[in-house]
Amino acid sequence: MSHAPGLIQSIERSSAMLRLIGAAPAGLRVKEIADALGPAQAAARGIPHTLAHVGCVTQDDGRYRLCIAEGQPARAVLEATA
């Protein structure tokens, strides 16, 4: 992922992680996220943890899965922002 001037890199990474996690119904582990997107290990841990804290993903048995607000289909949100 290349960073464009004027954009916030952490939001770019978060969006990429949401799309990646959304494409994996069985969920992904931190290592799988880092391997797929190549961010620094701290970002690969911190961003999914933060996304879980704010309710965008769930974390169970070491895997992160997409979970947008109740009543709002996650796929529709991702497709609208892609």
N, C-alpha and C. Protein backbone atom coordinates (compact mmCIF):
# COMPACT_ATOMS: atom_id res chain seq x y z
N MET A 1 0.85 -1.17 0.00
CA MET A 1 0.00 0.00 0.00
C MET A 1 0.89 1.23 0.00
N SER A 2 0.74 2.10 -0.99
CA SER A 2 1.54 3.31 -1.04
C SER A 2 0.76 4.45 -0.42
N HIS A 3 1.46 5.31 0.30
CA HIS A 3 0.83 6.42 0.99
C HIS A 3 0.84 7.65 0.09
N ALA A 4 -0.32 8.26 -0.11
CA ALA A 4 -0.43 9.46 -0.93
C ALA A 4 -0.34 10.70 -0.04
N PRO A 5 0.33 11.74 -0.51
CA PRO A 5 0.44 12.97 0.28
C PRO A 5 -0.93 13.53 0.64
N GLY A 6 -1.05 14.03 1.86
CA GLY A 6 -2.29 14.64 2.32
C GLY A 6 -3.29 13.66 2.93
N LEU A 7 -2.99 12.37 2.85
CA LEU A 7 -3.89 11.37 3.43
C LEU A 7 -3.33 10.88 4.76
N ILE A 8 -4.20 10.42 5.61
CA ILE A 8 -3.79 9.92 6.92
C ILE A 8 -3.52 8.42 6.82
N GLN A 9 -2.26 8.05 7.00
CA GLN A 9 -1.82 6.69 6.78
C GLN A 9 -2.54 5.69 7.68
N SER A 10 -2.80 6.03 8.93
CA SER A 10 -3.47 5.08 9.82
C SER A 10 -4.90 4.78 9.36
N ILE A 11 -5.56 5.77 8.75
CA ILE A 11 -6.90 5.52 8.23
C ILE A 11 -6.83 4.67 6.97
N GLU A 12 -5.83 4.90 6.14
CA GLU A 12 -5.63 4.03 4.97
C GLU A 12 -5.41 2.59 5.42
N ARG A 13 -4.56 2.39 6.42
CA ARG A 13 -4.29 1.04 6.92
C ARG A 13 -5.53 0.42 7.54
N SER A 14 -6.27 1.22 8.32
CA SER A 14 -7.49 0.70 8.94
C SER A 14 -8.50 0.25 7.89
N SER A 15 -8.67 1.05 6.85
CA SER A 15 -9.60 0.70 5.77
C SER A 15 -9.17 -0.57 5.07
N ALA A 16 -7.87 -0.68 4.80
CA ALA A 16 -7.35 -1.88 4.14
C ALA A 16 -7.57 -3.10 5.03
N MET A 17 -7.38 -2.95 6.34
CA MET A 17 -7.59 -4.06 7.26
C MET A 17 -9.05 -4.46 7.31
N LEU A 18 -9.95 -3.48 7.31
CA LEU A 18 -11.38 -3.81 7.32
C LEU A 18 -11.77 -4.58 6.07
N ARG A 19 -11.27 -4.17 4.91
CA ARG A 19 -11.58 -4.89 3.67
C ARG A 19 -11.01 -6.30 3.71
N LEU A 20 -9.78 -6.44 4.21
CA LEU A 20 -9.13 -7.75 4.29
C LEU A 20 -9.90 -8.67 5.25
N ILE A 21 -10.21 -8.17 6.43
CA ILE A 21 -10.93 -8.97 7.42
C ILE A 21 -12.33 -9.32 6.89
N GLY A 22 -12.97 -8.37 6.21
CA GLY A 22 -14.29 -8.62 5.65
C GLY A 22 -14.31 -9.70 4.58
N ALA A 23 -13.18 -9.87 3.92
CA ALA A 23 -13.08 -10.89 2.86
C ALA A 23 -12.75 -12.27 3.41
N ALA A 24 -12.56 -12.37 4.72
CA ALA A 24 -12.19 -13.65 5.36
C ALA A 24 -13.25 -14.04 6.39
N PRO A 25 -14.30 -14.73 5.97
CA PRO A 25 -15.39 -15.08 6.89
C PRO A 25 -14.92 -15.84 8.14
N ALA A 26 -13.85 -16.62 8.02
CA ALA A 26 -13.35 -17.37 9.17
C ALA A 26 -12.52 -16.49 10.10
N GLY A 27 -12.26 -15.25 9.68
CA GLY A 27 -11.46 -14.34 10.49
C GLY A 27 -9.98 -14.48 10.21
N LEU A 28 -9.22 -13.53 10.71
CA LEU A 28 -7.76 -13.52 10.51
C LEU A 28 -7.04 -13.26 11.81
N ARG A 29 -5.89 -13.87 11.96
CA ARG A 29 -5.00 -13.61 13.09
C ARG A 29 -4.13 -12.40 12.75
N VAL A 30 -3.55 -11.78 13.77
CA VAL A 30 -2.70 -10.61 13.57
C VAL A 30 -1.59 -10.90 12.57
N LYS A 31 -0.96 -12.05 12.68
CA LYS A 31 0.13 -12.40 11.76
C LYS A 31 -0.37 -12.46 10.32
N GLU A 32 -1.56 -13.00 10.12
CA GLU A 32 -2.12 -13.08 8.77
C GLU A 32 -2.41 -11.68 8.21
N ILE A 33 -2.87 -10.79 9.08
CA ILE A 33 -3.13 -9.41 8.66
C ILE A 33 -1.81 -8.74 8.28
N ALA A 34 -0.81 -8.88 9.14
CA ALA A 34 0.50 -8.27 8.87
C ALA A 34 1.12 -8.83 7.60
N ASP A 35 1.03 -10.14 7.41
CA ASP A 35 1.60 -10.76 6.21
C ASP A 35 0.91 -10.25 4.94
N ALA A 36 -0.40 -10.07 5.00
CA ALA A 36 -1.15 -9.65 3.83
C ALA A 36 -0.95 -8.18 3.49
N LEU A 37 -0.86 -7.34 4.51
CA LEU A 37 -0.79 -5.90 4.29
C LEU A 37 0.59 -5.30 4.48
N GLY A 38 1.45 -6.01 5.19
CA GLY A 38 2.81 -5.55 5.37
C GLY A 38 3.02 -4.36 6.29
N PRO A 39 2.07 -4.00 7.19
CA PRO A 39 2.36 -2.88 8.08
C PRO A 39 3.34 -3.29 9.19
N ALA A 40 3.86 -2.31 9.87
CA ALA A 40 4.73 -2.59 11.02
C ALA A 40 3.96 -3.45 12.02
N GLN A 41 4.68 -4.28 12.74
CA GLN A 41 4.03 -5.21 13.69
C GLN A 41 3.15 -4.46 14.69
N ALA A 42 3.59 -3.29 15.15
CA ALA A 42 2.80 -2.53 16.11
C ALA A 42 1.45 -2.12 15.51
N ALA A 43 1.46 -1.69 14.25
CA ALA A 43 0.20 -1.31 13.60
C ALA A 43 -0.67 -2.54 13.37
N ALA A 44 -0.05 -3.66 13.04
CA ALA A 44 -0.81 -4.89 12.81
C ALA A 44 -1.48 -5.36 14.09
N ARG A 45 -0.94 -5.03 15.23
CA ARG A 45 -1.57 -5.37 16.50
C ARG A 45 -2.53 -4.27 16.95
N GLY A 46 -2.08 -3.03 16.86
CA GLY A 46 -2.83 -1.91 17.41
C GLY A 46 -4.11 -1.58 16.66
N ILE A 47 -4.05 -1.58 15.33
CA ILE A 47 -5.23 -1.19 14.57
C ILE A 47 -6.38 -2.20 14.75
N PRO A 48 -6.17 -3.50 14.58
CA PRO A 48 -7.30 -4.43 14.79
C PRO A 48 -7.84 -4.37 16.22
N HIS A 49 -6.95 -4.20 17.20
CA HIS A 49 -7.37 -4.10 18.60
C HIS A 49 -8.27 -2.87 18.78
N THR A 50 -7.89 -1.75 18.16
CA THR A 50 -8.68 -0.54 18.23
C THR A 50 -10.00 -0.71 17.49
N LEU A 51 -9.96 -1.34 16.32
CA LEU A 51 -11.20 -1.60 15.57
C LEU A 51 -12.16 -2.46 16.38
N ALA A 52 -11.63 -3.40 17.16
CA ALA A 52 -12.47 -4.23 18.03
C ALA A 52 -13.06 -3.37 19.15
N HIS A 53 -12.26 -2.49 19.70
CA HIS A 53 -12.71 -1.62 20.79
C HIS A 53 -13.87 -0.72 20.35
N VAL A 54 -13.83 -0.23 19.12
CA VAL A 54 -14.88 0.67 18.64
C VAL A 54 -16.04 -0.07 17.96
N GLY A 55 -15.97 -1.39 17.91
CA GLY A 55 -17.09 -2.19 17.43
C GLY A 55 -17.12 -2.51 15.94
N CYS A 56 -16.03 -2.27 15.24
CA CYS A 56 -15.99 -2.58 13.79
C CYS A 56 -15.66 -4.04 13.53
N VAL A 57 -14.90 -4.65 14.42
CA VAL A 57 -14.55 -6.07 14.31
C VAL A 57 -14.73 -6.71 15.67
N THR A 58 -14.84 -8.02 15.67
CA THR A 58 -14.83 -8.78 16.92
C THR A 58 -13.55 -9.58 16.96
N GLN A 59 -13.15 -9.95 18.16
CA GLN A 59 -11.95 -10.77 18.31
C GLN A 59 -12.31 -11.94 19.20
N ASP A 60 -12.16 -13.12 18.63
CA ASP A 60 -12.48 -14.35 19.36
C ASP A 60 -11.46 -15.40 18.96
N ASP A 61 -10.98 -16.15 19.90
CA ASP A 61 -9.98 -17.21 19.70
C ASP A 61 -8.81 -16.76 18.83
N GLY A 62 -8.39 -15.50 19.02
CA GLY A 62 -7.23 -14.99 18.30
C GLY A 62 -7.51 -14.53 16.88
N ARG A 63 -8.76 -14.58 16.46
CA ARG A 63 -9.11 -14.18 15.09
C ARG A 63 -10.02 -12.95 15.12
N TYR A 64 -9.76 -12.05 14.20
CA TYR A 64 -10.60 -10.87 14.04
C TYR A 64 -11.59 -11.12 12.92
N ARG A 65 -12.87 -10.75 13.18
CA ARG A 65 -13.93 -10.90 12.19
C ARG A 65 -14.69 -9.58 12.09
N LEU A 66 -15.19 -9.27 10.90
CA LEU A 66 -15.92 -8.04 10.66
C LEU A 66 -17.23 -8.05 11.43
N CYS A 67 -17.56 -6.93 12.04
CA CYS A 67 -18.80 -6.82 12.81
C CYS A 67 -19.18 -5.35 12.89
N ILE A 68 -19.85 -4.83 11.87
CA ILE A 68 -20.30 -3.44 11.87
C ILE A 68 -21.55 -3.35 12.75
N ALA A 69 -21.95 -2.16 13.10
CA ALA A 69 -23.06 -1.92 14.03
C ALA A 69 -24.27 -2.80 13.72
N GLU A 70 -24.93 -3.22 14.77
CA GLU A 70 -26.10 -4.09 14.64
C GLU A 70 -27.13 -3.50 13.69
N GLY A 71 -27.65 -4.32 12.82
CA GLY A 71 -28.65 -3.87 11.87
C GLY A 71 -28.07 -3.25 10.61
N GLN A 72 -26.76 -3.18 10.52
CA GLN A 72 -26.11 -2.60 9.35
C GLN A 72 -25.21 -3.66 8.72
N PRO A 73 -25.63 -4.25 7.61
CA PRO A 73 -24.83 -5.31 7.00
C PRO A 73 -23.41 -4.85 6.66
N ALA A 74 -22.43 -5.56 7.18
CA ALA A 74 -21.03 -5.19 7.01
C ALA A 74 -20.64 -5.14 5.54
N ARG A 75 -21.07 -6.09 4.76
CA ARG A 75 -20.69 -6.12 3.34
C ARG A 75 -21.16 -4.87 2.62
N ALA A 76 -22.37 -4.39 2.95
CA ALA A 76 -22.88 -3.19 2.29
C ALA A 76 -22.03 -1.97 2.63
N VAL A 77 -21.57 -1.89 3.87
CA VAL A 77 -20.69 -0.78 4.26
C VAL A 77 -19.39 -0.85 3.49
N LEU A 78 -18.79 -2.02 3.41
CA LEU A 78 -17.52 -2.15 2.70
C LEU A 78 -17.68 -1.86 1.22
N GLU A 79 -18.74 -2.33 0.62
CA GLU A 79 -18.96 -2.10 -0.81
C GLU A 79 -19.19 -0.62 -1.08
N ALA A 80 -19.83 0.09 -0.17
CA ALA A 80 -20.09 1.50 -0.36
C ALA A 80 -18.82 2.34 -0.24
N THR A 81 -17.83 1.84 0.50
CA THR A 81 -16.61 2.61 0.70
C THR A 81 -15.46 2.14 -0.17
N ALA A 82 -15.65 1.08 -0.97
CA ALA A 82 -14.56 0.56 -1.79
C ALA A 82 -14.35 1.38 -3.03
